[in-house]
PDB file of N, CA and C in Angstrom:
ATOM      1  N   MET A   1     -86.168  24.965-164.720  1.00  0.00           N
ATOM      2  CA  MET A   1     -85.782  25.126-165.929  1.00  0.00           C
ATOM      3  C   MET A   1     -84.504  25.699-166.100  1.00  0.00           C
ATOM      4  N   SER A   2     -83.592  26.046-165.041  1.00  0.00           N
ATOM      5  CA  SER A   2     -82.442  26.644-165.074  1.00  0.00           C
ATOM      6  C   SER A   2     -81.092  25.546-165.026  1.00  0.00           C
ATOM      7  N   CYS A   3     -81.504  24.611-164.555  1.00  0.00           N
ATOM      8  CA  CYS A   3     -80.558  23.717-164.393  1.00  0.00           C
ATOM      9  C   CYS A   3     -80.172  23.423-165.674  1.00  0.00           C
ATOM     10  N   PRO A   4     -80.798  22.641-167.151  1.00  0.00           N
ATOM     11  CA  PRO A   4     -80.679  22.755-168.611  1.00  0.00           C
ATOM     12  C   PRO A   4     -79.514  23.591-168.849  1.00  0.00           C
ATOM     13  N   HIS A   5     -80.210  24.988-168.602  1.00  0.00           N
ATOM     14  CA  HIS A   5     -79.637  26.265-168.983  1.00  0.00           C
ATOM     15  C   HIS A   5     -78.096  26.292-168.883  1.00  0.00           C
ATOM     16  N   ILE A   6     -78.047  25.960-167.487  1.00  0.00           N
ATOM     17  CA  ILE A   6     -76.468  26.352-166.877  1.00  0.00           C
ATOM     18  C   ILE A   6     -75.761  25.504-166.862  1.00  0.00           C
ATOM     19  N   SER A   7     -76.228  24.417-167.222  1.00  0.00           N
ATOM     20  CA  SER A   7     -75.377  23.035-167.755  1.00  0.00           C
ATOM     21  C   SER A   7     -74.970  22.978-169.220  1.00  0.00           C
ATOM     22  N   GLY A   8     -75.568  23.376-170.288  1.00  0.00           N
ATOM     23  CA  GLY A   8     -75.105  24.006-170.778  1.00  0.00           C
ATOM     24  C   GLY A   8     -74.320  24.857-171.091  1.00  0.00           C
ATOM     25  N   VAL A   9     -74.480  25.944-170.212  1.00  0.00           N
ATOM     26  CA  VAL A   9     -73.482  27.072-170.266  1.00  0.00           C
ATOM     27  C   VAL A   9     -71.834  26.446-169.636  1.00  0.00           C
ATOM     28  N   VAL A  10     -72.049  25.923-168.548  1.00  0.00           N
ATOM     29  CA  VAL A  10     -70.984  25.225-168.250  1.00  0.00           C
ATOM     30  C   VAL A  10     -70.228  24.464-169.021  1.00  0.00           C
ATOM     31  N   ALA A  11     -70.972  23.575-169.887  1.00  0.00           N
ATOM     32  CA  ALA A  11     -70.371  22.702-171.171  1.00  0.00           C
ATOM     33  C   ALA A  11     -69.435  23.704-171.716  1.00  0.00           C
ATOM     34  N   LEU A  12     -70.238  24.886-172.147  1.00  0.00           N
ATOM     35  CA  LEU A  12     -69.690  25.784-173.316  1.00  0.00           C
ATOM     36  C   LEU A  12     -68.456  26.574-172.666  1.00  0.00           C
ATOM     37  N   LEU A  13     -68.182  26.989-171.695  1.00  0.00           N
ATOM     38  CA  LEU A  13     -67.104  27.290-171.236  1.00  0.00           C
ATOM     39  C   LEU A  13     -66.099  26.237-171.041  1.00  0.00           C
ATOM     40  N   LYS A  14     -66.306  25.126-170.589  1.00  0.00           N
ATOM     41  CA  LYS A  14     -65.455  24.282-170.530  1.00  0.00           C
ATOM     42  C   LYS A  14     -64.717  23.900-171.559  1.00  0.00           C
ATOM     43  N   ALA A  15     -65.431  23.628-172.565  1.00  0.00           N
ATOM     44  CA  ALA A  15     -65.156  23.605-173.920  1.00  0.00           C
ATOM     45  C   ALA A  15     -63.992  24.362-174.605  1.00  0.00           C
ATOM     46  N   VAL A  16     -64.372  25.928-174.299  1.00  0.00           N
ATOM     47  CA  VAL A  16     -63.395  26.864-174.521  1.00  0.00           C
ATOM     48  C   VAL A  16     -62.703  27.068-173.555  1.00  0.00           C
ATOM     49  N   HIS A  17     -62.531  26.491-172.116  1.00  0.00           N
ATOM     50  CA  HIS A  17     -61.407  26.900-171.762  1.00  0.00           C
ATOM     51  C   HIS A  17     -61.400  25.572-170.510  1.00  0.00           C
ATOM     52  N   PRO A  18     -60.937  24.627-171.510  1.00  0.00           N
ATOM     53  CA  PRO A  18     -60.411  23.537-170.599  1.00  0.00           C
ATOM     54  C   PRO A  18     -59.840  23.265-169.309  1.00  0.00           C
ATOM     55  N   THR A  19     -59.222  24.165-169.173  1.00  0.00           N
ATOM     56  CA  THR A  19     -58.462  24.487-168.092  1.00  0.00           C
ATOM     57  C   THR A  19     -58.971  24.865-166.837  1.00  0.00           C
ATOM     58  N   TRP A  20     -60.488  25.498-166.505  1.00  0.00           N
ATOM     59  CA  TRP A  20     -60.782  26.410-165.699  1.00  0.00           C
ATOM     60  C   TRP A  20     -61.189  25.352-164.533  1.00  0.00           C
ATOM     61  N   SER A  21     -61.582  25.599-163.423  1.00  0.00           N
ATOM     62  CA  SER A  21     -61.698  24.495-162.441  1.00  0.00           C
ATOM     63  C   SER A  21     -63.125  24.824-162.252  1.00  0.00           C
ATOM     64  N   PRO A  22     -63.972  24.039-161.395  1.00  0.00           N
ATOM     65  CA  PRO A  22     -65.259  24.472-161.587  1.00  0.00           C
ATOM     66  C   PRO A  22     -65.476  25.531-160.452  1.00  0.00           C
ATOM     67  N   ALA A  23     -64.750  25.909-159.347  1.00  0.00           N
ATOM     68  CA  ALA A  23     -65.244  27.294-158.885  1.00  0.00           C
ATOM     69  C   ALA A  23     -64.920  28.358-159.811  1.00  0.00           C
ATOM     70  N   ALA A  24     -64.093  28.385-160.735  1.00  0.00           N
ATOM     71  CA  ALA A  24     -63.502  29.686-161.943  1.00  0.00           C
ATOM     72  C   ALA A  24     -64.911  29.537-162.627  1.00  0.00           C
ATOM     73  N   ILE A  25     -65.432  28.774-163.247  1.00  0.00           N
ATOM     74  CA  ILE A  25     -66.538  28.541-163.883  1.00  0.00           C
ATOM     75  C   ILE A  25     -67.899  29.292-163.485  1.00  0.00           C
ATOM     76  N   LYS A  26     -68.026  28.885-162.287  1.00  0.00           N
ATOM     77  CA  LYS A  26     -69.089  29.138-161.258  1.00  0.00           C
ATOM     78  C   LYS A  26     -68.910  30.959-161.419  1.00  0.00           C
ATOM     79  N   SER A  27     -68.012  31.077-160.971  1.00  0.00           N
ATOM     80  CA  SER A  27     -67.258  32.575-160.744  1.00  0.00           C
ATOM     81  C   SER A  27     -67.346  33.400-161.578  1.00  0.00           C
ATOM     82  N   GLU A  28     -67.234  32.683-163.326  1.00  0.00           N
ATOM     83  CA  GLU A  28     -67.326  33.381-164.477  1.00  0.00           C
ATOM     84  C   GLU A  28     -68.683  33.870-164.632  1.00  0.00           C
ATOM     85  N   ILE A  29     -69.591  32.721-164.422  1.00  0.00           N
ATOM     86  CA  ILE A  29     -71.408  32.646-164.590  1.00  0.00           C
ATOM     87  C   ILE A  29     -71.550  33.613-163.662  1.00  0.00           C
ATOM     88  N   VAL A  30     -71.516  33.609-162.575  1.00  0.00           N
ATOM     89  CA  VAL A  30     -72.725  34.574-161.046  1.00  0.00           C
ATOM     90  C   VAL A  30     -71.198  36.171-161.461  1.00  0.00           C
ATOM     91  N   THR A  31     -70.613  36.352-162.055  1.00  0.00           N
ATOM     92  CA  THR A  31     -69.964  37.665-162.379  1.00  0.00           C
ATOM     93  C   THR A  31     -70.193  38.080-163.243  1.00  0.00           C
ATOM     94  N   THR A  32     -71.055  37.672-164.297  1.00  0.00           N
ATOM     95  CA  THR A  32     -71.329  38.153-165.637  1.00  0.00           C
ATOM     96  C   THR A  32     -72.596  38.075-165.858  1.00  0.00           C
ATOM     97  N   ALA A  33     -73.545  37.549-164.749  1.00  0.00           N
ATOM     98  CA  ALA A  33     -75.172  37.585-164.630  1.00  0.00           C
ATOM     99  C   ALA A  33     -75.390  39.063-164.842  1.00  0.00           C
ATOM    100  N   SER A  34     -76.572  39.351-165.625  1.00  0.00           N
ATOM    101  CA  SER A  34     -76.787  40.650-165.403  1.00  0.00           C
ATOM    102  C   SER A  34     -78.458  40.662-164.460  1.00  0.00           C
ATOM    103  N   LEU A  35     -78.776  41.626-164.139  1.00  0.00           N
ATOM    104  CA  LEU A  35     -80.102  41.737-163.271  1.00  0.00           C
ATOM    105  C   LEU A  35     -81.390  42.399-164.329  1.00  0.00           C
ATOM    106  N   LYS A  36     -81.207  42.657-165.663  1.00  0.00           N
ATOM    107  CA  LYS A  36     -81.907  43.000-166.460  1.00  0.00           C
ATOM    108  C   LYS A  36     -81.744  41.726-167.690  1.00  0.00           C
ATOM    109  N   ASP A  37     -82.941  41.779-168.061  1.00  0.00           N
ATOM    110  CA  ASP A  37     -83.014  40.682-169.269  1.00  0.00           C
ATOM    111  C   ASP A  37     -82.700  41.402-170.645  1.00  0.00           C
ATOM    112  N   GLU A  38     -82.765  40.505-171.775  1.00  0.00           N
ATOM    113  CA  GLU A  38     -82.711  41.154-173.024  1.00  0.00           C
ATOM    114  C   GLU A  38     -83.146  42.351-173.646  1.00  0.00           C
ATOM    115  N   TYR A  39     -83.951  42.865-173.228  1.00  0.00           N
ATOM    116  CA  TYR A  39     -84.902  44.187-173.373  1.00  0.00           C
ATOM    117  C   TYR A  39     -84.422  44.577-172.370  1.00  0.00           C
ATOM    118  N   ALA A  40     -83.373  44.968-171.473  1.00  0.00           N
ATOM    119  CA  ALA A  40     -83.036  45.781-170.519  1.00  0.00           C
ATOM    120  C   ALA A  40     -84.311  45.979-169.436  1.00  0.00           C
ATOM    121  N   GLN A  41     -85.313  45.054-169.082  1.00  0.00           N
ATOM    122  CA  GLN A  41     -86.113  45.208-168.025  1.00  0.00           C
ATOM    123  C   GLN A  41     -85.495  44.677-166.885  1.00  0.00           C
ATOM    124  N   SER A  42     -85.696  44.784-165.950  1.00  0.00           N
ATOM    125  CA  SER A  42     -85.544  44.476-164.393  1.00  0.00           C
ATOM    126  C   SER A  42     -85.714  42.861-164.679  1.00  0.00           C
ATOM    127  N   ILE A  43     -85.083  41.458-164.167  1.00  0.00           N
ATOM    128  CA  ILE A  43     -86.017  40.257-164.384  1.00  0.00           C
ATOM    129  C   ILE A  43     -86.751  40.302-162.826  1.00  0.00           C
ATOM    130  N   VAL A  44     -87.645  39.355-162.974  1.00  0.00           N
ATOM    131  CA  VAL A  44     -88.164  38.625-162.018  1.00  0.00           C
ATOM    132  C   VAL A  44     -88.875  37.919-162.012  1.00  0.00           C
ATOM    133  N   ALA A  45     -89.219  37.326-160.943  1.00  0.00           N
ATOM    134  CA  ALA A  45     -89.727  35.731-160.775  1.00  0.00           C
ATOM    135  C   ALA A  45     -90.873  36.051-160.958  1.00  0.00           C
ATOM    136  N   GLU A  46     -91.718  35.335-161.740  1.00  0.00           N
ATOM    137  CA  GLU A  46     -93.195  35.239-161.779  1.00  0.00           C
ATOM    138  C   GLU A  46     -94.293  34.678-160.355  1.00  0.00           C
ATOM    139  N   GLY A  47     -94.577  35.615-159.608  1.00  0.00           N
ATOM    140  CA  GLY A  47     -95.200  35.031-158.627  1.00  0.00           C
ATOM    141  C   GLY A  47     -94.313  35.350-157.394  1.00  0.00           C
ATOM    142  N   ALA A  48     -93.011  36.269-157.586  1.00  0.00           N
ATOM    143  CA  ALA A  48     -92.346  35.583-156.356  1.00  0.00           C
ATOM    144  C   ALA A  48     -92.516  37.169-155.839  1.00  0.00           C
ATOM    145  N   PRO A  49     -91.594  37.025-154.543  1.00  0.00           N
ATOM    146  CA  PRO A  49     -91.474  38.595-153.925  1.00  0.00           C
ATOM    147  C   PRO A  49     -90.674  39.536-154.288  1.00  0.00           C
ATOM    148  N   HIS A  50     -90.903  40.899-154.473  1.00  0.00           N
ATOM    149  CA  HIS A  50     -89.737  41.855-154.911  1.00  0.00           C
ATOM    150  C   HIS A  50     -87.926  41.166-154.585  1.00  0.00           C
ATOM    151  N   LYS A  51     -87.548  41.040-156.001  1.00  0.00           N
ATOM    152  CA  LYS A  51     -85.938  41.122-155.693  1.00  0.00           C
ATOM    153  C   LYS A  51     -85.372  39.853-155.592  1.00  0.00           C
ATOM    154  N   HIS A  52     -86.445  38.467-155.670  1.00  0.00           N
ATOM    155  CA  HIS A  52     -86.124  37.107-155.708  1.00  0.00           C
ATOM    156  C   HIS A  52     -85.635  36.763-157.197  1.00  0.00           C
ATOM    157  N   TYR A  53     -84.844  36.996-157.743  1.00  0.00           N
ATOM    158  CA  TYR A  53     -84.722  36.761-159.105  1.00  0.00           C
ATOM    159  C   TYR A  53     -83.437  35.435-159.254  1.00  0.00           C
ATOM    160  N   GLY A  54     -82.751  35.051-157.750  1.00  0.00           N
ATOM    161  CA  GLY A  54     -81.696  34.263-158.094  1.00  0.00           C
ATOM    162  C   GLY A  54     -80.126  35.295-158.441  1.00  0.00           C
ATOM    163  N   GLY A  55     -79.326  34.421-159.300  1.00  0.00           N
ATOM    164  CA  GLY A  55     -78.040  35.034-159.516  1.00  0.00           C
ATOM    165  C   GLY A  55     -77.887  35.720-160.593  1.00  0.00           C
ATOM    166  N   GLY A  56     -79.348  36.490-161.718  1.00  0.00           N
ATOM    167  CA  GLY A  56     -79.355  36.760-162.553  1.00  0.00           C
ATOM    168  C   GLY A  56     -79.507  36.532-163.533  1.00  0.00           C
ATOM    169  N   HIS A  57     -79.552  36.825-164.483  1.00  0.00           N
ATOM    170  CA  HIS A  57     -79.945  36.652-166.375  1.00  0.00           C
ATOM    171  C   HIS A  57     -78.378  36.180-166.587  1.00  0.00           C
ATOM    172  N   VAL A  58     -78.301  34.980-167.094  1.00  0.00           N
ATOM    173  CA  VAL A  58     -77.064  34.434-167.444  1.00  0.00           C
ATOM    174  C   VAL A  58     -76.457  34.752-169.069  1.00  0.00           C
ATOM    175  N   ASN A  59     -75.569  34.971-168.973  1.00  0.00           N
ATOM    176  CA  ASN A  59     -74.859  35.899-170.412  1.00  0.00           C
ATOM    177  C   ASN A  59     -73.694  35.352-170.952  1.00  0.00           C
ATOM    178  N   PRO A  60     -73.727  33.744-171.442  1.00  0.00           N
ATOM    179  CA  PRO A  60     -72.918  33.169-171.991  1.00  0.00           C
ATOM    180  C   PRO A  60     -71.762  33.232-172.606  1.00  0.00           C
ATOM    181  N   ASN A  61     -71.939  34.588-173.409  1.00  0.00           N
ATOM    182  CA  ASN A  61     -71.132  35.348-174.315  1.00  0.00           C
ATOM    183  C   ASN A  61     -70.011  36.095-173.315  1.00  0.00           C
ATOM    184  N   LYS A  62     -70.239  36.824-172.059  1.00  0.00           N
ATOM    185  CA  LYS A  62     -69.806  37.621-171.342  1.00  0.00           C
ATOM    186  C   LYS A  62     -68.757  36.346-170.588  1.00  0.00           C
ATOM    187  N   ALA A  63     -69.555  35.154-170.422  1.00  0.00           N
ATOM    188  CA  ALA A  63     -69.167  34.534-169.060  1.00  0.00           C
ATOM    189  C   ALA A  63     -67.533  33.753-169.954  1.00  0.00           C
ATOM    190  N   VAL A  64     -67.427  33.977-171.218  1.00  0.00           N
ATOM    191  CA  VAL A  64     -66.424  33.123-172.016  1.00  0.00           C
ATOM    192  C   VAL A  64     -65.198  33.928-171.747  1.00  0.00           C
ATOM    193  N   ASP A  65     -65.124  35.517-171.704  1.00  0.00           N
ATOM    194  CA  ASP A  65     -64.228  36.607-171.561  1.00  0.00           C
ATOM    195  C   ASP A  65     -64.549  37.287-170.447  1.00  0.00           C
ATOM    196  N   PRO A  66     -64.422  36.905-169.225  1.00  0.00           N
ATOM    197  CA  PRO A  66     -65.350  37.977-167.984  1.00  0.00           C
ATOM    198  C   PRO A  66     -64.371  38.714-167.639  1.00  0.00           C
ATOM    199  N   GLY A  67     -62.846  38.728-167.795  1.00  0.00           N
ATOM    200  CA  GLY A  67     -62.133  40.008-167.478  1.00  0.00           C
ATOM    201  C   GLY A  67     -61.542  39.807-166.242  1.00  0.00           C
ATOM    202  N   LEU A  68     -62.443  38.927-165.183  1.00  0.00           N
ATOM    203  CA  LEU A  68     -61.735  38.788-163.563  1.00  0.00           C
ATOM    204  C   LEU A  68     -62.414  37.563-163.198  1.00  0.00           C
ATOM    205  N   ALA A  69     -61.394  36.576-162.706  1.00  0.00           N
ATOM    206  CA  ALA A  69     -61.703  35.043-162.210  1.00  0.00           C
ATOM    207  C   ALA A  69     -61.726  35.536-160.650  1.00  0.00           C
ATOM    208  N   TYR A  70     -62.629  34.570-159.686  1.00  0.00           N
ATOM    209  CA  TYR A  70     -62.379  34.301-158.345  1.00  0.00           C
ATOM    210  C   TYR A  70     -62.054  32.637-158.497  1.00  0.00           C
ATOM    211  N   GLY A  71     -60.860  32.519-158.400  1.00  0.00           N
ATOM    212  CA  GLY A  71     -60.746  30.929-158.557  1.00  0.00           C
ATOM    213  C   GLY A  71     -60.109  30.517-156.927  1.00  0.00           C
ATOM    214  N   LYS A  72     -60.850  29.630-156.857  1.00  0.00           N
ATOM    215  CA  LYS A  72     -60.533  29.087-155.348  1.00  0.00           C
ATOM    216  C   LYS A  72     -59.638  27.247-155.162  1.00  0.00           C
ATOM    217  N   GLU A  73     -59.201  26.850-154.342  1.00  0.00           N
ATOM    218  CA  GLU A  73     -58.350  26.080-153.980  1.00  0.00           C
ATOM    219  C   GLU A  73     -59.140  24.716-153.198  1.00  0.00           C
ATOM    220  N   VAL A  74     -59.001  23.653-152.950  1.00  0.00           N
ATOM    221  CA  VAL A  74     -59.469  23.104-152.418  1.00  0.00           C
ATOM    222  C   VAL A  74     -58.987  23.518-150.768  1.00  0.00           C
ATOM    223  N   SER A  75     -58.143  24.181-150.354  1.00  0.00           N
ATOM    224  CA  SER A  75     -57.324  24.438-149.364  1.00  0.00           C
ATOM    225  C   SER A  75     -58.436  25.862-148.759  1.00  0.00           C
ATOM    226  N   ASP A  76     -59.054  26.208-149.725  1.00  0.00           N
ATOM    227  CA  ASP A  76     -59.832  27.602-149.633  1.00  0.00           C
ATOM    228  C   ASP A  76     -60.865  27.011-148.419  1.00  0.00           C
ATOM    229  N   TYR A  77     -61.783  25.986-149.288  1.00  0.00           N
ATOM    230  CA  TYR A  77     -62.582  25.368-148.711  1.00  0.00           C
ATOM    231  C   TYR A  77     -62.529  24.619-147.482  1.00  0.00           C
ATOM    232  N   ASP A  78     -61.473  24.007-147.059  1.00  0.00           N
ATOM    233  CA  ASP A  78     -60.674  23.747-145.799  1.00  0.00           C
ATOM    234  C   ASP A  78     -61.010  24.766-144.555  1.00  0.00           C
ATOM    235  N   ARG A  79     -60.143  25.723-145.214  1.00  0.00           N
ATOM    236  CA  ARG A  79     -59.944  26.966-144.038  1.00  0.00           C
ATOM    237  C   ARG A  79     -61.231  27.838-144.102  1.00  0.00           C
ATOM    238  N   PHE A  80     -62.305  27.674-144.882  1.00  0.00           N
ATOM    239  CA  PHE A  80     -63.652  28.577-145.206  1.00  0.00           C
ATOM    240  C   PHE A  80     -64.403  27.583-143.319  1.00  0.00           C
ATOM    241  N   LEU A  81     -64.165  26.079-143.884  1.00  0.00           N
ATOM    242  CA  LEU A  81     -65.047  25.061-143.219  1.00  0.00           C
ATOM    243  C   LEU A  81     -64.346  25.240-141.641  1.00  0.00           C
ATOM    244  N   CYS A  82     -63.239  25.322-141.373  1.00  0.00           N
ATOM    245  CA  CYS A  82     -62.716  25.770-140.290  1.00  0.00           C
ATOM    246  C   CYS A  82     -63.428  26.688-139.263  1.00  0.00           C
ATOM    247  N   ALA A  83     -63.187  27.863-140.251  1.00  0.00           N
ATOM    248  CA  ALA A  83     -63.214  28.934-139.588  1.00  0.00           C
ATOM    249  C   ALA A  83     -64.871  29.338-139.347  1.00  0.00           C
ATOM    250  N   MET A  84     -65.676  28.346-140.050  1.00  0.00           N
ATOM    251  CA  MET A  84     -67.440  28.157-139.925  1.00  0.00           C
ATOM    252  C   MET A  84     -67.307  27.716-138.345  1.00  0.00           C
ATOM    253  N   GLY A  85     -66.447  26.942-137.807  1.00  0.00           N
ATOM    254  CA  GLY A  85     -66.212  26.179-136.831  1.00  0.00           C
ATOM    255  C   GLY A  85     -66.612  24.590-136.993  1.00  0.00           C
ATOM    256  N   TYR A  86     -66.392  24.358-138.024  1.00  0.00           N
ATOM    257  CA  TYR A  86     -66.367  22.718-138.458  1.00  0.00           C
ATOM    258  C   TYR A  86     -65.095  21.724-137.492  1.00  0.00           C
ATOM    259  N   ASN A  87     -65.637  20.778-137.023  1.00  0.00           N
ATOM    260  CA  ASN A  87     -64.523  19.867-136.129  1.00  0.00           C
ATOM    261  C   ASN A  87     -63.614  19.393-137.652  1.00  0.00           C
ATOM    262  N   MET A  88     -62.801  19.344-137.824  1.00  0.00           N
ATOM    263  CA  MET A  88     -61.878  18.669-138.678  1.00  0.00           C
ATOM    264  C   MET A  88     -60.436  18.145-138.351  1.00  0.00           C
ATOM    265  N   GLN A  89     -59.770  17.283-138.729  1.00  0.00           N
ATOM    266  CA  GLN A  89     -58.246  17.047-138.117  1.00  0.00           C
ATOM    267  C   GLN A  89     -57.585  17.817-139.027  1.00  0.00           C
ATOM    268  N   ILE A  90     -57.889  18.796-139.910  1.00  0.00           N
ATOM    269  CA  ILE A  90     -56.916  19.363-140.520  1.00  0.00           C
ATOM    270  C   ILE A  90     -57.005  21.186-139.769  1.00  0.00           C
ATOM    271  N   CYS A  91     -57.826  21.308-139.118  1.00  0.00           N
ATOM    272  CA  CYS A  91     -58.098  22.602-138.319  1.00  0.00           C
ATOM    273  C   CYS A  91     -56.827  22.824-137.494  1.00  0.00           C
ATOM    274  N   ASN A  92     -56.380  23.942-137.746  1.00  0.00           N
ATOM    275  CA  ASN A  92     -55.252  24.157-136.510  1.00  0.00           C
ATOM    276  C   ASN A  92     -55.331  25.478-136.009  1.00  0.00           C
ATOM    277  N   ASP A  93     -56.292  26.440-136.796  1.00  0.00           N
ATOM    278  CA  ASP A  93     -56.619  27.963-136.850  1.00  0.00           C
ATOM    279  C   ASP A  93     -58.340  28.039-137.282  1.00  0.00           C
ATOM    280  N   LYS A  94     -58.637  28.169-136.569  1.00  0.00           N
ATOM    281  CA  LYS A  94     -60.356  28.623-136.314  1.00  0.00           C
ATOM    282  C   LYS A  94     -60.989  29.670-136.128  1.00  0.00           C
ATOM    283  N   SER A  95     -59.627  30.795-136.587  1.00  0.00           N
ATOM    284  CA  SER A  95     -59.966  32.228-136.742  1.00  0.00           C
ATOM    285  C   SER A  95     -61.198  32.482-137.771  1.00  0.00           C
ATOM    286  N   THR A  96     -61.944  33.099-137.714  1.00  0.00           N
ATOM    287  CA  THR A  96     -63.085  33.956-138.621  1.00  0.00           C
ATOM    288  C   THR A  96     -62.235  34.771-139.497  1.00  0.00           C
ATOM    289  N   LYS A  97     -61.004  35.063-139.015  1.00  0.00           N
ATOM    290  CA  LYS A  97     -60.433  36.166-140.340  1.00  0.00           C
ATOM    291  C   LYS A  97     -60.403  35.498-141.227  1.00  0.00           C
ATOM    292  N   PHE A  98     -60.306  34.701-141.978  1.00  0.00           N
ATOM    293  CA  PHE A  98     -60.036  33.664-143.250  1.00  0.00           C
ATOM    294  C   PHE A  98     -61.489  34.499-143.626  1.00  0.00           C
ATOM    295  N   LEU A  99     -62.868  33.975-143.177  1.00  0.00           N
ATOM    296  CA  LEU A  99     -63.857  34.424-144.008  1.00  0.00           C
ATOM    297  C   LEU A  99     -64.005  35.538-144.686  1.00  0.00           C
ATOM    298  N   VAL A 100     -63.297  36.688-144.088  1.00  0.00           N
ATOM    299  CA  VAL A 100     -63.257  38.223-144.693  1.00  0.00           C
ATOM    300  C   VAL A 100     -62.252  38.222-145.723  1.00  0.00           C
ATOM    301  N   ASN A 101     -61.701  37.488-145.740  1.00  0.00           N
ATOM    302  CA  ASN A 101     -60.746  37.110-146.945  1.00  0.00           C
ATOM    303  C   ASN A 101     -60.935  35.880-148.101  1.00  0.00           C
ATOM    304  N   LEU A 102     -61.830  35.231-148.259  1.00  0.00           N
ATOM    305  CA  LEU A 102     -62.349  34.052-148.981  1.00  0.00           C
ATOM    306  C   LEU A 102     -62.682  35.125-150.314  1.00  0.00           C
ATOM    307  N   ASN A 103     -61.799  34.421-151.149  1.00  0.00           N
ATOM    308  CA  ASN A 103     -61.875  34.759-152.472  1.00  0.00           C
ATOM    309  C   ASN A 103     -63.223  35.190-153.001  1.00  0.00           C
ATOM    310  N   LEU A 104     -64.217  35.643-153.026  1.00  0.00           N
ATOM    311  CA  LEU A 104     -65.663  35.486-153.802  1.00  0.00           C
ATOM    312  C   LEU A 104     -65.992  36.769-154.093  1.00  0.00           C
ATOM    313  N   PRO A 105     -67.029  36.865-154.883  1.00  0.00           N
ATOM    314  CA  PRO A 105     -67.359  38.125-155.416  1.00  0.00           C
ATOM    315  C   PRO A 105     -68.435  38.421-154.432  1.00  0.00           C
ATOM    316  N   SER A 106     -68.477  38.238-153.428  1.00  0.00           N
ATOM    317  CA  SER A 106     -69.190  38.778-152.214  1.00  0.00           C
ATOM    318  C   SER A 106     -68.658  38.973-150.976  1.00  0.00           C
ATOM    319  N   ILE A 107     -68.962  39.690-149.660  1.00  0.00           N
ATOM    320  CA  ILE A 107     -68.065  40.076-148.944  1.00  0.00           C
ATOM    321  C   ILE A 107     -68.554  39.376-147.701  1.00  0.00           C
ATOM    322  N   THR A 108     -68.213  38.400-146.610  1.00  0.00           N
ATOM    323  CA  THR A 108     -68.556  38.239-145.308  1.00  0.00           C
ATOM    324  C   THR A 108     -67.932  38.566-144.362  1.00  0.00           C
ATOM    325  N   ILE A 109     -68.540  38.895-143.420  1.00  0.00           N
ATOM    326  CA  ILE A 109     -67.766  39.828-142.165  1.00  0.00           C
ATOM    327  C   ILE A 109     -68.521  39.364-140.929  1.00  0.00           C
ATOM    328  N   PRO A 110     -67.965  38.224-140.379  1.00  0.00           N
ATOM    329  CA  PRO A 110     -68.611  37.704-139.428  1.00  0.00           C
ATOM    330  C   PRO A 110     -68.563  38.289-138.085  1.00  0.00           C
ATOM    331  N   GLU A 111     -69.260  38.390-137.316  1.00  0.00           N
ATOM    332  CA  GLU A 111     -69.018  38.953-136.096  1.00  0.00           C
ATOM    333  C   GLU A 111     -68.365  40.269-135.840  1.00  0.00           C
ATOM    334  N   LEU A 112     -69.037  41.458-136.753  1.00  0.00           N
ATOM    335  CA  LEU A 112     -68.464  42.677-136.990  1.00  0.00           C
ATOM    336  C   LEU A 112     -68.992  43.311-135.531  1.00  0.00           C
ATOM    337  N   LYS A 113     -67.776  43.632-134.959  1.00  0.00           N
ATOM    338  CA  LYS A 113     -67.979  44.478-133.590  1.00  0.00           C
ATOM    339  C   LYS A 113     -67.143  45.988-133.531  1.00  0.00           C
ATOM    340  N   LYS A 114     -66.756  45.987-134.474  1.00  0.00           N
ATOM    341  CA  LYS A 114     -65.911  47.383-134.785  1.00  0.00           C
ATOM    342  C   LYS A 114     -65.555  47.867-136.313  1.00  0.00           C
ATOM    343  N   SER A 115     -65.441  48.802-136.565  1.00  0.00           N
ATOM    344  CA  SER A 115     -65.179  49.203-137.796  1.00  0.00           C
ATOM    345  C   SER A 115     -64.035  48.371-138.404  1.00  0.00           C
ATOM    346  N   LEU A 116     -64.394  48.137-140.036  1.00  0.00           N
ATOM    347  CA  LEU A 116     -63.320  47.119-140.526  1.00  0.00           C
ATOM    348  C   LEU A 116     -63.067  47.724-142.171  1.00  0.00           C
ATOM    349  N   ILE A 117     -62.030  47.917-142.634  1.00  0.00           N
ATOM    350  CA  ILE A 117     -61.807  48.352-144.225  1.00  0.00           C
ATOM    351  C   ILE A 117     -61.037  46.925-144.628  1.00  0.00           C
ATOM    352  N   GLU A 118     -61.952  46.897-145.703  1.00  0.00           N
ATOM    353  CA  GLU A 118     -61.803  45.422-146.566  1.00  0.00           C
ATOM    354  C   GLU A 118     -61.582  45.671-147.770  1.00  0.00           C
ATOM    355  N   SER A 119     -60.531  45.419-148.742  1.00  0.00           N
ATOM    356  CA  SER A 119     -59.854  45.662-149.813  1.00  0.00           C
ATOM    357  C   SER A 119     -60.094  44.414-150.641  1.00  0.00           C
ATOM    358  N   ARG A 120     -60.057  44.364-152.228  1.00  0.00           N
ATOM    359  CA  ARG A 120     -59.953  43.145-153.036  1.00  0.00           C
ATOM    360  C   ARG A 120     -59.060  43.871-153.712  1.00  0.00           C
TER     361      ARG A 120
END
């Protein structure tokens, strides 16, 4: 039942912020989701193993004014696919360094062989 709910939240966000990109809307929904429900209880998926709860409990009111946005452009996706090894005509640099700096609310460090300091 999450698809209709998230679709409604996306429509709300697009109405309030018509210039936000799909990547920005996804970012706002994900970064404002909570691991607690409206009763301050940990969210769980009935019958699922511990911590299998998806992206969290969506909070549309917080998503309207998140304070932090992770926007991405088409070129970011192109560079991501090149770094992952996809054979594309636009790929002139297949360095995995881009994956470390990809603007997401999570951090990916491929092939970690030594210490690395990452900042956002």
